[in-house]
Amino acid sequence: MKDSEKIIIEFIKLSKNREKIFKALDGETLKPTNISKKTNIPSNNVSRILSQLREKNLVRLLNPETKRGRLYELTDYGKEILDLMKSQLRFIKFRKKKKKK
């Protein structure tokens, strides 16, 4: 894993809400209200965090000209980072399982 990937994963994990929102977009295209319902995070926080994730090129806004009903999804880079996070989690679970034996 590259240093830049480690840094961006740490950026995501520094905030539980950021991580929840990022993971909520896994394979989905959602409006902020749907993300809010799915994650139980207030919609004003969802909007702020989506802006942070967009700045890092992890999330893209599909219809920027629209003020209501904006749609968000992971970018290709965001999908790569999420896959890395999933593989890290699988590795950690594997190591814990191995230690128990």
C-alpha atoms as a PDB file:
ATOM      1  CA  MET A   1       0.000   0.000   0.000  1.00  0.00           C
ATOM      2  CA  LYS A   2       1.300   3.438  -0.933  1.00  0.00           C
ATOM      3  CA  ASP A   3       1.846   6.135   1.695  1.00  0.00           C
ATOM      4  CA  SER A   4      -0.748   8.351  -0.002  1.00  0.00           C
ATOM      5  CA  GLU A   5      -3.323   5.561   0.337  1.00  0.00           C
ATOM      6  CA  LYS A   6      -2.489   5.091   4.014  1.00  0.00           C
ATOM      7  CA  ILE A   7      -2.915   8.831   4.574  1.00  0.00           C
ATOM      8  CA  ILE A   8      -6.309   8.962   2.873  1.00  0.00           C
ATOM      9  CA  ILE A   9      -7.543   5.893   4.780  1.00  0.00           C
ATOM     10  CA  GLU A  10      -6.459   7.532   8.028  1.00  0.00           C
ATOM     11  CA  PHE A  11      -8.292  10.730   6.975  1.00  0.00           C
ATOM     12  CA  ILE A  12     -11.488   8.700   6.520  1.00  0.00           C
ATOM     13  CA  LYS A  13     -11.092   6.788   9.781  1.00  0.00           C
ATOM     14  CA  LEU A  14     -10.390   9.915  11.860  1.00  0.00           C
ATOM     15  CA  SER A  15     -14.113  10.610  11.874  1.00  0.00           C
ATOM     16  CA  LYS A  16     -16.644   7.838  12.586  1.00  0.00           C
ATOM     17  CA  ASN A  17     -19.274   9.811  10.683  1.00  0.00           C
ATOM     18  CA  ARG A  18     -16.957  10.283   7.705  1.00  0.00           C
ATOM     19  CA  GLU A  19     -16.270   6.553   7.645  1.00  0.00           C
ATOM     20  CA  LYS A  20     -20.003   5.702   7.922  1.00  0.00           C
ATOM     21  CA  ILE A  21     -20.900   8.029   5.046  1.00  0.00           C
ATOM     22  CA  PHE A  22     -18.039   6.787   2.891  1.00  0.00           C
ATOM     23  CA  LYS A  23     -19.065   3.155   3.452  1.00  0.00           C
ATOM     24  CA  ALA A  24     -22.765   3.969   2.905  1.00  0.00           C
ATOM     25  CA  LEU A  25     -21.922   4.860  -0.700  1.00  0.00           C
ATOM     26  CA  ASP A  26     -20.442   1.412  -1.370  1.00  0.00           C
ATOM     27  CA  GLY A  27     -22.077   0.348  -4.639  1.00  0.00           C
ATOM     28  CA  GLU A  28     -24.821   2.948  -4.320  1.00  0.00           C
ATOM     29  CA  THR A  29     -25.796   6.342  -5.676  1.00  0.00           C
ATOM     30  CA  LEU A  30     -27.556   8.284  -2.933  1.00  0.00           C
ATOM     31  CA  LYS A  31     -28.996  11.665  -2.031  1.00  0.00           C
ATOM     32  CA  PRO A  32     -27.820  13.289   1.216  1.00  0.00           C
ATOM     33  CA  THR A  33     -31.239  12.628   2.792  1.00  0.00           C
ATOM     34  CA  ASN A  34     -30.911   8.906   2.022  1.00  0.00           C
ATOM     35  CA  ILE A  35     -27.384   8.870   3.447  1.00  0.00           C
ATOM     36  CA  SER A  36     -28.663  10.640   6.548  1.00  0.00           C
ATOM     37  CA  LYS A  37     -31.395   8.027   7.061  1.00  0.00           C
ATOM     38  CA  LYS A  38     -29.051   5.121   6.358  1.00  0.00           C
ATOM     39  CA  THR A  39     -26.350   6.328   8.771  1.00  0.00           C
ATOM     40  CA  ASN A  40     -28.424   8.226  11.379  1.00  0.00           C
ATOM     41  CA  ILE A  41     -26.236  11.276  10.836  1.00  0.00           C
ATOM     42  CA  PRO A  42     -27.960  14.704  10.644  1.00  0.00           C
ATOM     43  CA  SER A  43     -28.253  15.951   7.057  1.00  0.00           C
ATOM     44  CA  ASN A  44     -26.245  19.141   7.688  1.00  0.00           C
ATOM     45  CA  ASN A  45     -23.319  16.962   8.839  1.00  0.00           C
ATOM     46  CA  VAL A  46     -23.781  14.671   5.838  1.00  0.00           C
ATOM     47  CA  SER A  47     -23.488  17.624   3.448  1.00  0.00           C
ATOM     48  CA  ARG A  48     -20.347  18.924   5.156  1.00  0.00           C
ATOM     49  CA  ILE A  49     -18.696  15.497   5.105  1.00  0.00           C
ATOM     50  CA  LEU A  50     -19.653  14.894   1.466  1.00  0.00           C
ATOM     51  CA  SER A  51     -17.862  18.156   0.625  1.00  0.00           C
ATOM     52  CA  GLN A  52     -14.759  16.921   2.466  1.00  0.00           C
ATOM     53  CA  LEU A  53     -14.860  13.611   0.602  1.00  0.00           C
ATOM     54  CA  ARG A  54     -15.309  15.437  -2.725  1.00  0.00           C
ATOM     55  CA  GLU A  55     -12.243  17.579  -1.995  1.00  0.00           C
ATOM     56  CA  LYS A  56     -10.227  14.365  -1.623  1.00  0.00           C
ATOM     57  CA  ASN A  57     -11.668  12.978  -4.897  1.00  0.00           C
ATOM     58  CA  LEU A  58     -13.326  10.072  -3.056  1.00  0.00           C
ATOM     59  CA  VAL A  59     -16.919  11.031  -3.893  1.00  0.00           C
ATOM     60  CA  ARG A  60     -18.454  12.712  -6.889  1.00  0.00           C
ATOM     61  CA  LEU A  61     -21.610  14.738  -7.310  1.00  0.00           C
ATOM     62  CA  LEU A  62     -23.478  13.519 -10.389  1.00  0.00           C
ATOM     63  CA  ASN A  63     -25.759  16.538 -10.832  1.00  0.00           C
ATOM     64  CA  PRO A  64     -23.992  19.697  -9.594  1.00  0.00           C
ATOM     65  CA  GLU A  65     -26.478  21.979 -11.336  1.00  0.00           C
ATOM     66  CA  THR A  66     -29.271  20.736  -9.064  1.00  0.00           C
ATOM     67  CA  LYS A  67     -29.891  22.238  -5.640  1.00  0.00           C
ATOM     68  CA  ARG A  68     -32.377  19.576  -4.485  1.00  0.00           C
ATOM     69  CA  GLY A  69     -32.017  15.852  -5.044  1.00  0.00           C
ATOM     70  CA  ARG A  70     -28.261  15.863  -5.488  1.00  0.00           C
ATOM     71  CA  LEU A  71     -26.824  12.421  -6.184  1.00  0.00           C
ATOM     72  CA  TYR A  72     -23.496  11.209  -4.837  1.00  0.00           C
ATOM     73  CA  GLU A  73     -21.410   8.120  -5.505  1.00  0.00           C
ATOM     74  CA  LEU A  74     -17.863   6.932  -4.965  1.00  0.00           C
ATOM     75  CA  THR A  75     -15.291   7.837  -7.580  1.00  0.00           C
ATOM     76  CA  ASP A  76     -13.057   5.109  -9.017  1.00  0.00           C
ATOM     77  CA  TYR A  77     -10.391   6.282  -6.571  1.00  0.00           C
ATOM     78  CA  GLY A  78     -12.936   6.106  -3.727  1.00  0.00           C
ATOM     79  CA  LYS A  79     -13.787   2.515  -4.722  1.00  0.00           C
ATOM     80  CA  GLU A  80     -10.078   1.601  -4.703  1.00  0.00           C
ATOM     81  CA  ILE A  81      -9.650   3.084  -1.226  1.00  0.00           C
ATOM     82  CA  LEU A  82     -12.757   1.301   0.063  1.00  0.00           C
ATOM     83  CA  ASP A  83     -11.425  -1.998  -1.331  1.00  0.00           C
ATOM     84  CA  LEU A  84      -8.132  -1.391   0.495  1.00  0.00           C
ATOM     85  CA  MET A  85     -10.026  -0.705   3.722  1.00  0.00           C
ATOM     86  CA  LYS A  86     -12.004  -3.929   3.287  1.00  0.00           C
ATOM     87  CA  SER A  87      -8.839  -5.948   2.661  1.00  0.00           C
ATOM     88  CA  GLN A  88      -7.243  -4.427   5.790  1.00  0.00           C
ATOM     89  CA  LEU A  89     -10.282  -5.481   7.809  1.00  0.00           C
ATOM     90  CA  ARG A  90     -10.186  -9.024   6.392  1.00  0.00           C
ATOM     91  CA  PHE A  91      -6.480  -9.248   7.247  1.00  0.00           C
ATOM     92  CA  ILE A  92      -7.075  -8.061  10.826  1.00  0.00           C
ATOM     93  CA  LYS A  93      -9.904 -10.579  11.278  1.00  0.00           C
ATOM     94  CA  PHE A  94      -7.712 -13.342   9.823  1.00  0.00           C
ATOM     95  CA  ARG A  95      -4.868 -12.515  12.224  1.00  0.00           C
ATOM     96  CA  LYS A  96      -7.209 -12.478  15.230  1.00  0.00           C
ATOM     97  CA  LYS A  97      -8.646 -15.828  14.175  1.00  0.00           C
ATOM     98  CA  LYS A  98      -5.147 -17.275  13.735  1.00  0.00           C
ATOM     99  CA  LYS A  99      -4.060 -16.081  17.220  1.00  0.00           C
ATOM    100  CA  LYS A 100      -7.029 -17.829  18.871  1.00  0.00           C
ATOM    101  CA  LYS A 101      -5.837 -21.241  17.624  1.00  0.00           C
END
